[in-house]
Amino acid sequence: MERDRIAATVSKHVKSGQIRKAIPELERLVLAEPNDVRLRLELADLHARASEHNRAVDQLMQVARRYEKDGFGLKAMGVYLQVQRLQPTNRDAALALGKHYAEHGLFSEAAKAFEKALAAPSPTNAPERLQTIQLLLDLDPDNLGDRLRLAEAYSAQGSLQDAARELRRVADVLEHKAGDADYPKVAERLLYHQPDDAQVAKKLASIYIAQDEPQRALAKLKKSYDARPHDLEVLGLLAECFGQLGQVHKSVAVLKEMARLYDQSGLLHERDECWTKVLVLDPNDPQAKDALRTS
């Protein structure tokens, strides 16, 4: 009977427009019957009408989670949508909606909801951000932009190996797109996380040399040379890089080392090409003249 009396009091206050008087009475009922979702929805409505949106959202979120626990996904979605109408930037509601949309095959809507969750101004810790980006990638595994975001999220929490793994996946795709302007940016980030990757450093150096940026190329070639001092491709890039820098003597020295390595391998045509390049740079080089005379 006490419940009926309180309910009547609530109804009386609502009818007379005294919403703020009705709220504490209804809260007494909710406290007595915390699992009654109908009462919580009614309380949320009163909070909203009283412009107490945060308190309304708190009740709605409890209802939505109850619906989820009981297996009523569609009802939960409806409540989360109510939350978004009251708080458009609510991260938890957006994340929950995204998961429900994905479960129902509404992938475009799910992606929009996850993007809202990422953009929400409420504080988000690193694991939560990682989880949300991974949910986006589950919808579209080939989305390079989201994979980059995943890499940076790993980086932000100090998981450098994981960040490098994701950056490499992006770099591998971009590398096979001729002239892709984004490859150098991604490769630079990859080297930041994995500075001993000589192969990526060499690829970057070749791009910078093609762009006539020898200073940037030289920094990358040093990594490649330290790792593989007899790599003829690296040496060729070094010779070209020194040439662009106007350091002829260094370019000549590298070309001579290349000629020696080619000679050891029996690649005589390539050896003679190196000596010819030496003479182009220094027409009076006696070693080059002698090598070509006797070849």
Protein backbone atom coordinates (compact mmCIF):
# COMPACT_ATOMS: atom_id res chain seq x y z
CA MET A 1 0.00 0.00 0.00
CA GLU A 2 2.92 2.33 0.70
CA ARG A 3 3.96 1.95 -2.95
CA ASP A 4 0.51 2.99 -4.13
CA ARG A 5 0.52 6.01 -1.82
CA ILE A 6 3.92 7.20 -3.10
CA ALA A 7 2.86 6.60 -6.71
CA ALA A 8 -0.24 8.69 -6.13
CA THR A 9 1.86 11.50 -4.65
CA VAL A 10 4.19 11.41 -7.64
CA SER A 11 1.24 11.55 -10.04
CA LYS A 12 -0.26 14.48 -8.14
CA HIS A 13 2.96 16.50 -8.29
CA VAL A 14 3.46 15.75 -11.99
CA LYS A 15 -0.09 16.79 -12.89
CA SER A 16 0.35 20.08 -11.05
CA GLY A 17 3.65 20.69 -12.82
CA GLN A 18 5.72 20.28 -9.67
CA ILE A 19 8.31 17.98 -11.24
CA ARG A 20 11.03 18.70 -8.71
CA LYS A 21 8.71 17.66 -5.87
CA ALA A 22 7.81 14.45 -7.69
CA ILE A 23 11.43 13.38 -8.19
CA PRO A 24 12.39 12.58 -4.55
CA GLU A 25 9.16 10.64 -4.10
CA LEU A 26 9.81 8.54 -7.19
CA GLU A 27 13.42 8.04 -6.06
CA ARG A 28 12.04 6.37 -2.92
CA LEU A 29 10.24 3.83 -5.11
CA VAL A 30 13.35 3.20 -7.23
CA LEU A 31 15.39 2.68 -4.08
CA ALA A 32 12.87 0.12 -2.89
CA GLU A 33 12.65 -1.64 -6.28
CA PRO A 34 16.02 -1.06 -8.02
CA ASN A 35 15.38 -3.65 -10.75
CA ASP A 36 12.12 -2.10 -11.93
CA VAL A 37 13.18 -0.58 -15.26
CA ARG A 38 9.79 1.08 -15.74
CA LEU A 39 10.28 3.12 -12.58
CA ARG A 40 13.82 4.10 -13.64
CA LEU A 41 12.57 5.18 -17.05
CA GLU A 42 9.91 7.30 -15.40
CA LEU A 43 12.51 8.82 -13.07
CA ALA A 44 14.81 9.54 -16.02
CA ASP A 45 11.94 11.31 -17.77
CA LEU A 46 11.29 13.50 -14.72
CA HIS A 47 15.01 14.39 -14.45
CA ALA A 48 15.02 15.33 -18.12
CA ARG A 49 11.92 17.50 -17.73
CA ALA A 50 13.63 19.20 -14.79
CA SER A 51 16.69 19.83 -17.01
CA GLU A 52 18.74 17.50 -14.83
CA HIS A 53 20.26 15.75 -17.82
CA ASN A 54 23.19 14.13 -16.06
CA ARG A 55 20.90 12.46 -13.56
CA ALA A 56 18.53 11.41 -16.33
CA VAL A 57 21.42 9.85 -18.24
CA ASP A 58 22.57 7.99 -15.15
CA GLN A 59 19.15 6.31 -14.86
CA LEU A 60 18.94 5.57 -18.58
CA MET A 61 22.38 3.96 -18.64
CA GLN A 62 21.38 1.68 -15.78
CA VAL A 63 18.22 0.70 -17.67
CA ALA A 64 20.14 0.05 -20.92
CA ARG A 65 22.65 -2.17 -19.17
CA ARG A 66 19.82 -4.06 -17.47
CA TYR A 67 18.18 -4.66 -20.83
CA GLU A 68 21.50 -5.94 -22.20
CA LYS A 69 21.94 -8.26 -19.24
CA ASP A 70 18.46 -9.66 -19.79
CA GLY A 71 19.06 -10.12 -23.54
CA PHE A 72 16.86 -7.28 -24.81
CA GLY A 73 19.34 -5.72 -27.23
CA LEU A 74 16.85 -3.71 -29.27
CA LYS A 75 15.34 -2.17 -26.13
CA ALA A 76 18.83 -1.30 -24.94
CA MET A 77 19.54 0.42 -28.26
CA GLY A 78 16.41 2.52 -27.87
CA VAL A 79 17.53 3.67 -24.42
CA TYR A 80 21.07 4.45 -25.62
CA LEU A 81 19.53 6.62 -28.33
CA GLN A 82 17.66 8.49 -25.62
CA VAL A 83 20.96 9.05 -23.85
CA GLN A 84 22.46 10.50 -27.03
CA ARG A 85 19.54 12.90 -27.40
CA LEU A 86 20.25 14.20 -23.90
CA GLN A 87 24.05 13.95 -24.16
CA PRO A 88 25.17 13.79 -27.80
CA THR A 89 28.82 13.36 -26.77
CA ASN A 90 28.28 10.50 -24.31
CA ARG A 91 31.13 8.12 -25.11
CA ASP A 92 29.74 5.04 -23.35
CA ALA A 93 26.40 5.27 -25.16
CA ALA A 94 28.11 5.72 -28.53
CA LEU A 95 30.38 2.74 -27.91
CA ALA A 96 27.48 0.55 -26.82
CA LEU A 97 25.39 1.61 -29.82
CA GLY A 98 28.26 0.82 -32.15
CA LYS A 99 28.51 -2.72 -30.80
CA HIS A 100 24.77 -3.26 -31.17
CA TYR A 101 24.75 -1.87 -34.72
CA ALA A 102 27.62 -4.21 -35.64
CA GLU A 103 25.79 -7.19 -34.16
CA HIS A 104 22.79 -6.37 -36.37
CA GLY A 105 24.89 -5.94 -39.50
CA LEU A 106 24.49 -2.15 -39.61
CA PHE A 107 28.19 -1.60 -40.23
CA SER A 108 27.98 1.96 -41.54
CA GLU A 109 26.01 3.05 -38.47
CA ALA A 110 28.39 1.12 -36.23
CA ALA A 111 31.38 2.94 -37.71
CA LYS A 112 29.71 6.32 -37.13
CA ALA A 113 28.97 5.38 -33.53
CA PHE A 114 32.56 4.28 -32.87
CA GLU A 115 33.83 7.51 -34.40
CA LYS A 116 31.57 9.42 -32.00
CA ALA A 117 33.03 7.44 -29.12
CA LEU A 118 36.55 8.35 -30.19
CA ALA A 119 35.64 12.02 -30.60
CA ALA A 120 33.84 12.29 -27.27
CA PRO A 121 35.40 14.90 -24.95
CA SER A 122 35.05 12.72 -21.88
CA PRO A 123 38.34 11.27 -20.61
CA THR A 124 39.31 8.04 -22.34
CA ASN A 125 42.18 5.90 -21.11
CA ALA A 126 44.56 4.22 -23.55
CA PRO A 127 43.09 0.68 -23.34
CA GLU A 128 39.58 2.02 -24.03
CA ARG A 129 40.81 3.97 -27.05
CA LEU A 130 42.63 0.90 -28.34
CA GLN A 131 39.50 -1.18 -27.94
CA THR A 132 37.38 1.32 -29.86
CA ILE A 133 39.83 1.61 -32.74
CA GLN A 134 40.08 -2.18 -32.90
CA LEU A 135 36.29 -2.34 -33.15
CA LEU A 136 36.48 0.01 -36.14
CA LEU A 137 39.12 -2.22 -37.73
CA ASP A 138 36.94 -5.27 -37.17
CA LEU A 139 34.40 -3.57 -39.44
CA ASP A 140 37.00 -2.69 -42.09
CA PRO A 141 40.37 -4.45 -41.63
CA ASP A 142 41.84 -2.75 -44.73
CA ASN A 143 41.25 0.79 -43.47
CA LEU A 144 44.78 2.19 -43.34
CA GLY A 145 43.73 5.36 -41.52
CA ASP A 146 42.26 3.37 -38.64
CA ARG A 147 45.30 1.09 -38.56
CA LEU A 148 47.51 4.16 -38.21
CA ARG A 149 45.32 5.35 -35.35
CA LEU A 150 45.74 1.95 -33.74
CA ALA A 151 49.51 2.23 -34.09
CA GLU A 152 49.55 5.66 -32.50
CA ALA A 153 47.30 4.47 -29.69
CA TYR A 154 49.75 1.64 -28.99
CA SER A 155 52.58 4.15 -29.08
CA ALA A 156 50.80 6.45 -26.63
CA GLN A 157 50.65 3.70 -24.02
CA GLY A 158 54.26 2.66 -24.60
CA SER A 159 53.60 -0.55 -26.56
CA LEU A 160 56.30 0.20 -29.13
CA GLN A 161 56.50 -3.30 -30.61
CA ASP A 162 52.76 -3.35 -31.23
CA ALA A 163 52.92 0.13 -32.73
CA ALA A 164 55.75 -0.95 -35.04
CA ARG A 165 53.80 -4.03 -36.13
CA GLU A 166 50.78 -1.95 -37.17
CA LEU A 167 52.93 0.71 -38.85
CA ARG A 168 54.71 -2.00 -40.84
CA ARG A 169 51.39 -3.35 -42.09
CA VAL A 170 50.49 0.09 -43.37
CA ALA A 171 53.95 0.69 -44.81
CA ASP A 172 53.89 -2.63 -46.67
CA VAL A 173 50.65 -1.66 -48.41
CA LEU A 174 51.79 1.87 -49.24
CA GLU A 175 55.16 0.66 -50.53
CA HIS A 176 53.43 -1.11 -53.39
CA LYS A 177 51.48 1.99 -54.39
CA ALA A 178 53.78 3.76 -56.84
CA GLY A 179 54.60 7.28 -55.77
CA ASP A 180 52.40 7.20 -52.68
CA ALA A 181 53.09 10.43 -50.81
CA ASP A 182 52.13 8.93 -47.44
CA TYR A 183 54.74 6.17 -47.43
CA PRO A 184 57.65 8.36 -46.19
CA LYS A 185 55.57 9.66 -43.26
CA VAL A 186 54.58 6.16 -42.20
CA ALA A 187 58.10 4.82 -42.74
CA GLU A 188 59.55 7.61 -40.59
CA ARG A 189 57.15 6.70 -37.79
CA LEU A 190 58.10 3.04 -38.19
CA LEU A 191 61.80 3.89 -37.88
CA TYR A 192 61.05 5.96 -34.79
CA HIS A 193 59.62 2.84 -33.15
CA GLN A 194 62.07 0.40 -34.74
CA PRO A 195 65.25 2.34 -35.55
CA ASP A 196 67.26 -0.75 -36.53
CA ASP A 197 65.11 -1.53 -39.60
CA ALA A 198 67.77 -1.17 -42.31
CA GLN A 199 65.46 -2.18 -45.14
CA VAL A 200 62.94 0.58 -44.44
CA ALA A 201 65.79 3.06 -43.99
CA LYS A 202 67.15 2.09 -47.41
CA LYS A 203 63.75 2.49 -49.06
CA LEU A 204 63.35 5.91 -47.48
CA ALA A 205 66.81 6.94 -48.60
CA SER A 206 66.03 6.03 -52.21
CA ILE A 207 62.88 8.18 -52.06
CA TYR A 208 64.74 11.16 -50.61
CA ILE A 209 67.48 10.87 -53.25
CA ALA A 210 64.81 10.79 -55.98
CA GLN A 211 63.39 13.95 -54.41
CA ASP A 212 66.87 15.54 -54.35
CA GLU A 213 66.97 15.62 -50.54
CA PRO A 214 70.45 14.15 -49.90
CA GLN A 215 70.76 15.31 -46.29
CA ARG A 216 67.64 13.39 -45.30
CA ALA A 217 68.79 10.41 -47.36
CA LEU A 218 72.23 10.35 -45.73
CA ALA A 219 70.80 9.92 -42.24
CA LYS A 220 68.87 6.85 -43.40
CA LEU A 221 71.77 5.41 -45.39
CA LYS A 222 73.97 5.49 -42.31
CA LYS A 223 71.57 3.05 -40.62
CA SER A 224 71.55 0.80 -43.70
CA TYR A 225 75.30 0.92 -44.15
CA ASP A 226 75.99 0.14 -40.49
CA ALA A 227 73.74 -2.91 -40.78
CA ARG A 228 74.98 -4.11 -44.21
CA PRO A 229 78.24 -2.43 -45.26
CA HIS A 230 78.62 -4.67 -48.35
CA ASP A 231 75.08 -4.13 -49.69
CA LEU A 232 75.74 -2.88 -53.22
CA GLU A 233 72.33 -1.20 -53.41
CA VAL A 234 73.13 0.79 -50.28
CA LEU A 235 76.57 1.68 -51.64
CA GLY A 236 75.04 2.83 -54.92
CA LEU A 237 72.65 5.09 -53.06
CA LEU A 238 75.52 6.41 -50.96
CA ALA A 239 77.53 7.27 -54.07
CA GLU A 240 74.55 9.10 -55.55
CA CYS A 241 73.84 10.86 -52.27
CA PHE A 242 77.43 12.12 -51.93
CA GLY A 243 77.23 13.29 -55.53
CA GLN A 244 74.12 15.35 -54.78
CA LEU A 245 75.91 16.83 -51.77
CA GLY A 246 78.88 17.80 -53.97
CA GLN A 247 81.22 15.53 -52.00
CA VAL A 248 82.95 14.09 -55.06
CA HIS A 249 85.82 12.44 -53.20
CA LYS A 250 83.41 10.46 -51.03
CA SER A 251 81.34 9.44 -54.03
CA VAL A 252 84.51 8.24 -55.79
CA ALA A 253 85.58 6.24 -52.73
CA VAL A 254 82.22 4.47 -52.60
CA LEU A 255 82.29 3.70 -56.33
CA LYS A 256 85.74 2.16 -55.96
CA GLU A 257 84.48 -0.05 -53.13
CA MET A 258 81.58 -1.12 -55.33
CA ALA A 259 83.99 -1.93 -58.18
CA ARG A 260 86.01 -4.11 -55.81
CA LEU A 261 82.93 -6.02 -54.63
CA TYR A 262 81.66 -6.51 -58.17
CA ASP A 263 85.10 -7.80 -59.19
CA GLN A 264 85.07 -10.33 -56.34
CA SER A 265 81.67 -11.54 -57.48
CA GLY A 266 82.75 -11.86 -61.10
CA LEU A 267 80.33 -9.15 -62.26
CA LEU A 268 82.78 -7.52 -64.63
CA HIS A 269 80.33 -5.38 -66.58
CA GLU A 270 79.01 -3.80 -63.37
CA ARG A 271 82.61 -3.36 -62.14
CA ASP A 272 83.58 -1.45 -65.27
CA GLU A 273 80.47 0.73 -65.02
CA CYS A 274 81.65 1.83 -61.57
CA TRP A 275 85.13 2.69 -62.89
CA THR A 276 83.53 4.66 -65.73
CA LYS A 277 81.50 6.66 -63.21
CA VAL A 278 84.68 7.36 -61.29
CA LEU A 279 86.25 8.85 -64.39
CA VAL A 280 83.18 10.99 -65.02
CA LEU A 281 83.62 12.46 -61.54
CA ASP A 282 87.43 12.58 -61.67
CA PRO A 283 88.81 12.24 -65.22
CA ASN A 284 92.40 12.08 -63.90
CA ASP A 285 91.90 9.20 -61.46
CA PRO A 286 94.83 6.87 -62.22
CA GLN A 287 93.26 3.80 -60.60
CA ALA A 288 90.15 4.07 -62.76
CA LYS A 289 92.19 4.63 -65.92
CA ASP A 290 94.37 1.63 -65.18
CA ALA A 291 91.38 -0.60 -64.34
CA LEU A 292 89.56 0.22 -67.59
CA ARG A 293 92.75 -0.10 -69.64
CA THR A 294 93.37 -3.62 -68.45
CA SER A 295 89.76 -4.83 -68.41
